[in-house]
């Protein structure tokens, strides 16, 4: 009888004094955040694949609270707003490719 009361007491205490459950760790989101922060610090361009479309450019701004990435395209001078939850893949662009894309842009103008 005592063991039943101890079990009931333990269950009630867990229910009443429940601690908030820790947030689920999302490995993909953490990797994306790390890559974005690294690209911002090093001022490198990135290539982003979102829903079977790709964007290459320089990061203008990253809003952590909203989870939005503002990316300026090299050739078209267009700014794209991308949600990090929609990003399939994000990779940095080597400086040589960035210089090549910028020079082709200048020759087209």
N, C-alpha and C. Protein backbone atom coordinates (compact mmCIF):
# COMPACT_ATOMS: atom_id res chain seq x y z
N UNK A 1 0.82 -1.20 0.00
CA UNK A 1 0.00 0.00 0.00
C UNK A 1 0.87 1.26 0.00
N UNK A 2 1.98 1.19 0.77
CA UNK A 2 2.87 2.35 0.83
C UNK A 2 3.51 2.62 -0.53
N UNK A 3 3.83 1.58 -1.26
CA UNK A 3 4.46 1.77 -2.57
C UNK A 3 3.50 2.41 -3.57
N UNK A 4 2.23 2.08 -3.45
CA UNK A 4 1.23 2.68 -4.34
C UNK A 4 1.14 4.18 -4.08
N UNK A 5 1.11 4.56 -2.79
CA UNK A 5 1.04 5.98 -2.46
C UNK A 5 2.30 6.72 -2.89
N UNK A 6 3.44 6.07 -2.77
CA UNK A 6 4.69 6.70 -3.20
C UNK A 6 4.68 6.93 -4.71
N UNK A 7 4.18 5.95 -5.45
CA UNK A 7 4.11 6.09 -6.91
C UNK A 7 3.14 7.19 -7.31
N UNK A 8 1.98 7.22 -6.65
CA UNK A 8 0.98 8.26 -6.94
C UNK A 8 1.54 9.64 -6.59
N UNK A 9 2.23 9.72 -5.45
CA UNK A 9 2.82 10.98 -5.02
C UNK A 9 3.87 11.45 -6.04
N UNK A 10 4.70 10.53 -6.51
CA UNK A 10 5.74 10.88 -7.49
C UNK A 10 5.11 11.37 -8.80
N UNK A 11 4.04 10.70 -9.23
CA UNK A 11 3.36 11.10 -10.47
C UNK A 11 2.73 12.47 -10.31
N UNK A 12 2.09 12.72 -9.18
CA UNK A 12 1.47 14.03 -8.93
C UNK A 12 2.52 15.14 -8.85
N UNK A 13 3.63 14.87 -8.18
CA UNK A 13 4.69 15.87 -8.10
C UNK A 13 5.27 16.18 -9.47
N UNK A 14 5.45 15.15 -10.29
CA UNK A 14 5.93 15.39 -11.66
C UNK A 14 4.94 16.22 -12.46
N UNK A 15 3.66 15.98 -12.24
CA UNK A 15 2.62 16.72 -12.96
C UNK A 15 2.57 18.17 -12.50
N UNK A 16 2.61 18.38 -11.19
CA UNK A 16 2.46 19.72 -10.63
C UNK A 16 3.73 20.55 -10.84
N UNK A 17 4.87 19.96 -10.57
CA UNK A 17 6.14 20.69 -10.65
C UNK A 17 6.90 20.32 -11.92
N UNK A 18 6.19 20.21 -12.99
CA UNK A 18 6.86 19.80 -14.23
C UNK A 18 7.79 20.90 -14.72
N UNK A 19 8.98 20.50 -15.08
CA UNK A 19 9.95 21.42 -15.66
C UNK A 19 9.68 21.52 -17.15
N UNK A 20 9.93 22.69 -17.72
CA UNK A 20 9.73 22.79 -19.17
C UNK A 20 10.69 21.84 -19.89
N UNK A 21 10.16 21.21 -20.91
CA UNK A 21 10.98 20.27 -21.67
C UNK A 21 12.00 21.05 -22.50
N UNK A 22 13.21 20.53 -22.60
CA UNK A 22 14.20 21.23 -23.42
C UNK A 22 13.79 21.25 -24.88
N UNK A 23 14.18 22.32 -25.56
CA UNK A 23 13.84 22.45 -26.97
C UNK A 23 14.53 21.37 -27.78
N UNK A 24 13.85 20.92 -28.81
CA UNK A 24 14.42 19.92 -29.68
C UNK A 24 15.51 20.56 -30.53
N UNK A 25 16.64 19.91 -30.59
CA UNK A 25 17.77 20.44 -31.33
C UNK A 25 17.62 20.05 -32.80
N UNK A 26 17.63 21.05 -33.65
CA UNK A 26 17.51 20.83 -35.08
C UNK A 26 18.90 20.97 -35.70
N UNK A 27 19.50 19.85 -36.06
CA UNK A 27 20.87 19.84 -36.55
C UNK A 27 21.02 20.62 -37.86
N UNK A 28 20.05 20.47 -38.76
CA UNK A 28 20.14 21.16 -40.05
C UNK A 28 20.10 22.68 -39.86
N UNK A 29 19.20 23.15 -39.00
CA UNK A 29 19.09 24.59 -38.76
C UNK A 29 20.37 25.13 -38.12
N UNK A 30 20.95 24.36 -37.20
CA UNK A 30 22.19 24.79 -36.56
C UNK A 30 23.33 24.87 -37.57
N UNK A 31 23.40 23.92 -38.48
CA UNK A 31 24.44 23.94 -39.50
C UNK A 31 24.26 25.14 -40.43
N UNK A 32 23.01 25.43 -40.80
CA UNK A 32 22.75 26.58 -41.66
C UNK A 32 23.13 27.88 -40.96
N UNK A 33 22.75 28.01 -39.69
CA UNK A 33 23.09 29.22 -38.93
C UNK A 33 24.60 29.39 -38.84
N UNK A 34 25.30 28.31 -38.59
CA UNK A 34 26.76 28.37 -38.50
C UNK A 34 27.37 28.80 -39.84
N UNK A 35 26.87 28.24 -40.92
CA UNK A 35 27.39 28.59 -42.25
C UNK A 35 27.10 30.05 -42.59
N UNK A 36 25.92 30.52 -42.25
CA UNK A 36 25.55 31.92 -42.52
C UNK A 36 26.43 32.87 -41.71
N UNK A 37 26.61 32.58 -40.42
CA UNK A 37 27.44 33.44 -39.58
C UNK A 37 28.89 33.45 -40.06
N UNK A 38 29.39 32.29 -40.46
CA UNK A 38 30.76 32.20 -40.97
C UNK A 38 30.91 33.02 -42.26
N UNK A 39 29.92 32.94 -43.14
CA UNK A 39 29.97 33.70 -44.39
C UNK A 39 29.89 35.20 -44.12
N UNK A 40 29.13 35.60 -43.12
CA UNK A 40 29.04 37.02 -42.79
C UNK A 40 30.37 37.53 -42.22
N UNK A 41 30.99 36.74 -41.36
CA UNK A 41 32.25 37.16 -40.76
C UNK A 41 33.35 37.26 -41.81
N UNK A 42 33.43 36.25 -42.67
CA UNK A 42 34.47 36.22 -43.70
C UNK A 42 34.11 37.04 -44.94
N UNK A 43 32.88 37.54 -44.98
CA UNK A 43 32.36 38.32 -46.12
C UNK A 43 32.49 37.54 -47.43
N UNK A 44 32.15 36.26 -47.38
CA UNK A 44 32.16 35.43 -48.58
C UNK A 44 30.76 35.32 -49.15
N UNK A 45 30.69 35.08 -50.43
CA UNK A 45 29.40 34.89 -51.10
C UNK A 45 28.93 33.46 -50.86
N UNK A 46 27.63 33.23 -51.02
CA UNK A 46 27.07 31.90 -50.81
C UNK A 46 26.18 31.49 -51.98
N UNK A 47 25.99 30.20 -52.09
CA UNK A 47 25.08 29.61 -53.08
C UNK A 47 24.01 28.88 -52.30
N UNK A 48 22.74 29.25 -52.52
CA UNK A 48 21.62 28.69 -51.76
C UNK A 48 20.69 27.97 -52.71
N UNK A 49 20.28 26.77 -52.34
CA UNK A 49 19.28 26.01 -53.11
C UNK A 49 18.00 25.96 -52.28
N UNK A 50 16.92 26.50 -52.88
CA UNK A 50 15.62 26.56 -52.21
C UNK A 50 14.56 26.07 -53.18
N UNK A 51 13.84 25.03 -52.81
CA UNK A 51 12.73 24.51 -53.62
C UNK A 51 13.10 24.36 -55.10
N UNK A 52 14.19 23.69 -55.38
CA UNK A 52 14.67 23.43 -56.75
C UNK A 52 15.06 24.68 -57.54
N UNK A 53 15.26 25.79 -56.87
CA UNK A 53 15.81 26.99 -57.50
C UNK A 53 17.07 27.38 -56.74
N UNK A 54 17.99 28.02 -57.43
CA UNK A 54 19.24 28.37 -56.77
C UNK A 54 19.50 29.87 -56.87
N UNK A 55 20.16 30.38 -55.85
CA UNK A 55 20.53 31.79 -55.78
C UNK A 55 21.99 31.86 -55.36
N UNK A 56 22.73 32.77 -55.98
CA UNK A 56 24.12 33.01 -55.59
C UNK A 56 24.27 34.49 -55.34
N UNK A 57 24.95 34.83 -54.26
CA UNK A 57 25.16 36.24 -53.99
C UNK A 57 25.75 36.49 -52.63
N UNK A 58 25.75 37.76 -52.28
CA UNK A 58 26.32 38.24 -51.03
C UNK A 58 25.20 38.41 -50.00
N UNK A 59 25.49 38.08 -48.75
CA UNK A 59 24.50 38.24 -47.68
C UNK A 59 24.43 39.72 -47.31
N UNK A 60 23.25 40.28 -47.43
CA UNK A 60 23.05 41.66 -47.00
C UNK A 60 22.72 41.73 -45.52
N UNK A 61 21.82 40.83 -45.10
CA UNK A 61 21.36 40.86 -43.72
C UNK A 61 20.81 39.48 -43.37
N UNK A 62 20.92 39.12 -42.10
CA UNK A 62 20.31 37.89 -41.61
C UNK A 62 19.53 38.22 -40.35
N UNK A 63 18.23 37.98 -40.38
CA UNK A 63 17.35 38.27 -39.25
C UNK A 63 17.09 36.96 -38.50
N UNK A 64 17.75 36.80 -37.34
CA UNK A 64 17.61 35.55 -36.58
C UNK A 64 16.21 35.38 -36.01
N UNK A 65 15.61 36.47 -35.56
CA UNK A 65 14.29 36.35 -34.93
C UNK A 65 13.23 35.89 -35.92
N UNK A 66 13.30 36.35 -37.16
CA UNK A 66 12.33 35.95 -38.18
C UNK A 66 12.80 34.75 -38.99
N UNK A 67 14.09 34.45 -38.93
CA UNK A 67 14.64 33.35 -39.72
C UNK A 67 14.69 33.67 -41.20
N UNK A 68 14.99 34.93 -41.53
CA UNK A 68 15.04 35.38 -42.93
C UNK A 68 16.46 35.75 -43.32
N UNK A 69 16.82 35.38 -44.54
CA UNK A 69 18.12 35.68 -45.10
C UNK A 69 17.92 36.61 -46.30
N UNK A 70 18.60 37.76 -46.30
CA UNK A 70 18.52 38.72 -47.39
C UNK A 70 19.78 38.55 -48.23
N UNK A 71 19.59 38.13 -49.47
CA UNK A 71 20.70 37.78 -50.35
C UNK A 71 20.65 38.62 -51.61
N UNK A 72 21.75 39.32 -51.92
CA UNK A 72 21.81 40.14 -53.13
C UNK A 72 22.51 39.34 -54.23
N UNK A 73 21.82 39.17 -55.34
CA UNK A 73 22.34 38.42 -56.48
C UNK A 73 23.45 39.21 -57.16
N UNK A 74 24.45 38.50 -57.68
CA UNK A 74 25.59 39.16 -58.33
C UNK A 74 25.20 39.85 -59.62
N UNK A 75 24.66 39.09 -60.55
CA UNK A 75 24.50 39.59 -61.91
C UNK A 75 23.27 40.48 -62.08
N UNK A 76 22.19 40.15 -61.43
CA UNK A 76 20.95 40.89 -61.68
C UNK A 76 20.73 42.03 -60.69
N UNK A 77 21.56 42.11 -59.66
CA UNK A 77 21.43 43.13 -58.63
C UNK A 77 20.04 43.11 -58.00
N UNK A 78 19.53 41.90 -57.77
CA UNK A 78 18.21 41.70 -57.17
C UNK A 78 18.40 41.13 -55.78
N UNK A 79 17.60 41.61 -54.83
CA UNK A 79 17.67 41.10 -53.47
C UNK A 79 16.58 40.06 -53.27
N UNK A 80 16.97 38.89 -52.76
CA UNK A 80 16.04 37.81 -52.47
C UNK A 80 15.90 37.66 -50.96
N UNK A 81 14.67 37.46 -50.50
CA UNK A 81 14.42 37.19 -49.09
C UNK A 81 14.07 35.72 -48.97
N UNK A 82 14.90 34.98 -48.23
CA UNK A 82 14.75 33.53 -48.15
C UNK A 82 14.57 33.13 -46.70
N UNK A 83 13.58 32.30 -46.43
CA UNK A 83 13.39 31.74 -45.09
C UNK A 83 14.38 30.59 -44.90
N UNK A 84 15.05 30.55 -43.74
CA UNK A 84 16.05 29.49 -43.54
C UNK A 84 15.40 28.12 -43.42
N UNK A 85 14.11 28.09 -43.13
CA UNK A 85 13.42 26.80 -43.01
C UNK A 85 13.15 26.18 -44.38
N UNK A 86 13.23 26.98 -45.43
CA UNK A 86 13.00 26.49 -46.79
C UNK A 86 14.30 26.12 -47.50
N UNK A 87 15.44 26.44 -46.90
CA UNK A 87 16.74 26.19 -47.55
C UNK A 87 17.04 24.70 -47.55
N UNK A 88 17.34 24.19 -48.74
CA UNK A 88 17.73 22.79 -48.87
C UNK A 88 19.24 22.63 -48.70
N UNK A 89 19.99 23.55 -49.27
CA UNK A 89 21.45 23.47 -49.21
C UNK A 89 22.05 24.86 -49.28
N UNK A 90 23.15 25.06 -48.54
CA UNK A 90 23.84 26.34 -48.52
C UNK A 90 25.34 26.06 -48.53
N UNK A 91 26.04 26.64 -49.51
CA UNK A 91 27.48 26.43 -49.62
C UNK A 91 28.17 27.76 -49.91
N UNK A 92 29.38 27.95 -49.39
CA UNK A 92 30.12 29.17 -49.70
C UNK A 92 30.69 29.11 -51.12
N UNK A 93 30.84 30.27 -51.73
CA UNK A 93 31.38 30.36 -53.09
C UNK A 93 32.84 30.80 -52.97
N UNK A 94 33.75 30.11 -53.65
CA UNK A 94 35.17 30.53 -53.62
C UNK A 94 35.35 31.92 -54.23
N UNK A 95 36.37 32.62 -53.77
CA UNK A 95 36.62 33.99 -54.23
C UNK A 95 36.86 34.06 -55.73
N UNK A 96 37.47 33.04 -56.31
CA UNK A 96 37.75 33.07 -57.76
C UNK A 96 36.47 33.10 -58.58
N UNK A 97 35.49 32.33 -58.16
CA UNK A 97 34.20 32.32 -58.88
C UNK A 97 33.48 33.64 -58.69
N UNK A 98 33.56 34.19 -57.49
CA UNK A 98 32.92 35.48 -57.23
C UNK A 98 33.52 36.57 -58.13
N UNK A 99 34.84 36.58 -58.25
CA UNK A 99 35.49 37.58 -59.11
C UNK A 99 35.10 37.40 -60.57
N UNK A 100 35.00 36.16 -61.01
CA UNK A 100 34.62 35.87 -62.39
C UNK A 100 33.20 36.36 -62.67
N UNK A 101 32.28 36.11 -61.74
CA UNK A 101 30.90 36.55 -61.94
C UNK A 101 30.80 38.06 -61.94
N UNK A 102 31.59 38.73 -61.10
CA UNK A 102 31.55 40.19 -61.07
C UNK A 102 32.14 40.78 -62.35
N UNK A 103 33.19 40.17 -62.89
CA UNK A 103 33.78 40.70 -64.13
C UNK A 103 32.86 40.47 -65.33
N UNK A 104 32.15 39.35 -65.36
CA UNK A 104 31.20 39.14 -66.46
C UNK A 104 30.05 40.13 -66.36
N UNK A 105 29.69 40.50 -65.16
CA UNK A 105 28.64 41.50 -64.98
C UNK A 105 29.10 42.85 -65.54
N UNK A 106 30.36 43.20 -65.27
CA UNK A 106 30.89 44.48 -65.75
C UNK A 106 31.01 44.50 -67.27
N UNK A 107 31.36 43.37 -67.87
CA UNK A 107 31.49 43.33 -69.33
C UNK A 107 30.13 43.41 -70.02
N UNK A 108 29.09 42.92 -69.35
CA UNK A 108 27.75 42.99 -69.93
C UNK A 108 27.19 44.40 -69.91
N UNK A 109 27.66 45.20 -68.97
CA UNK A 109 27.14 46.57 -68.84
C UNK A 109 27.81 47.47 -69.78
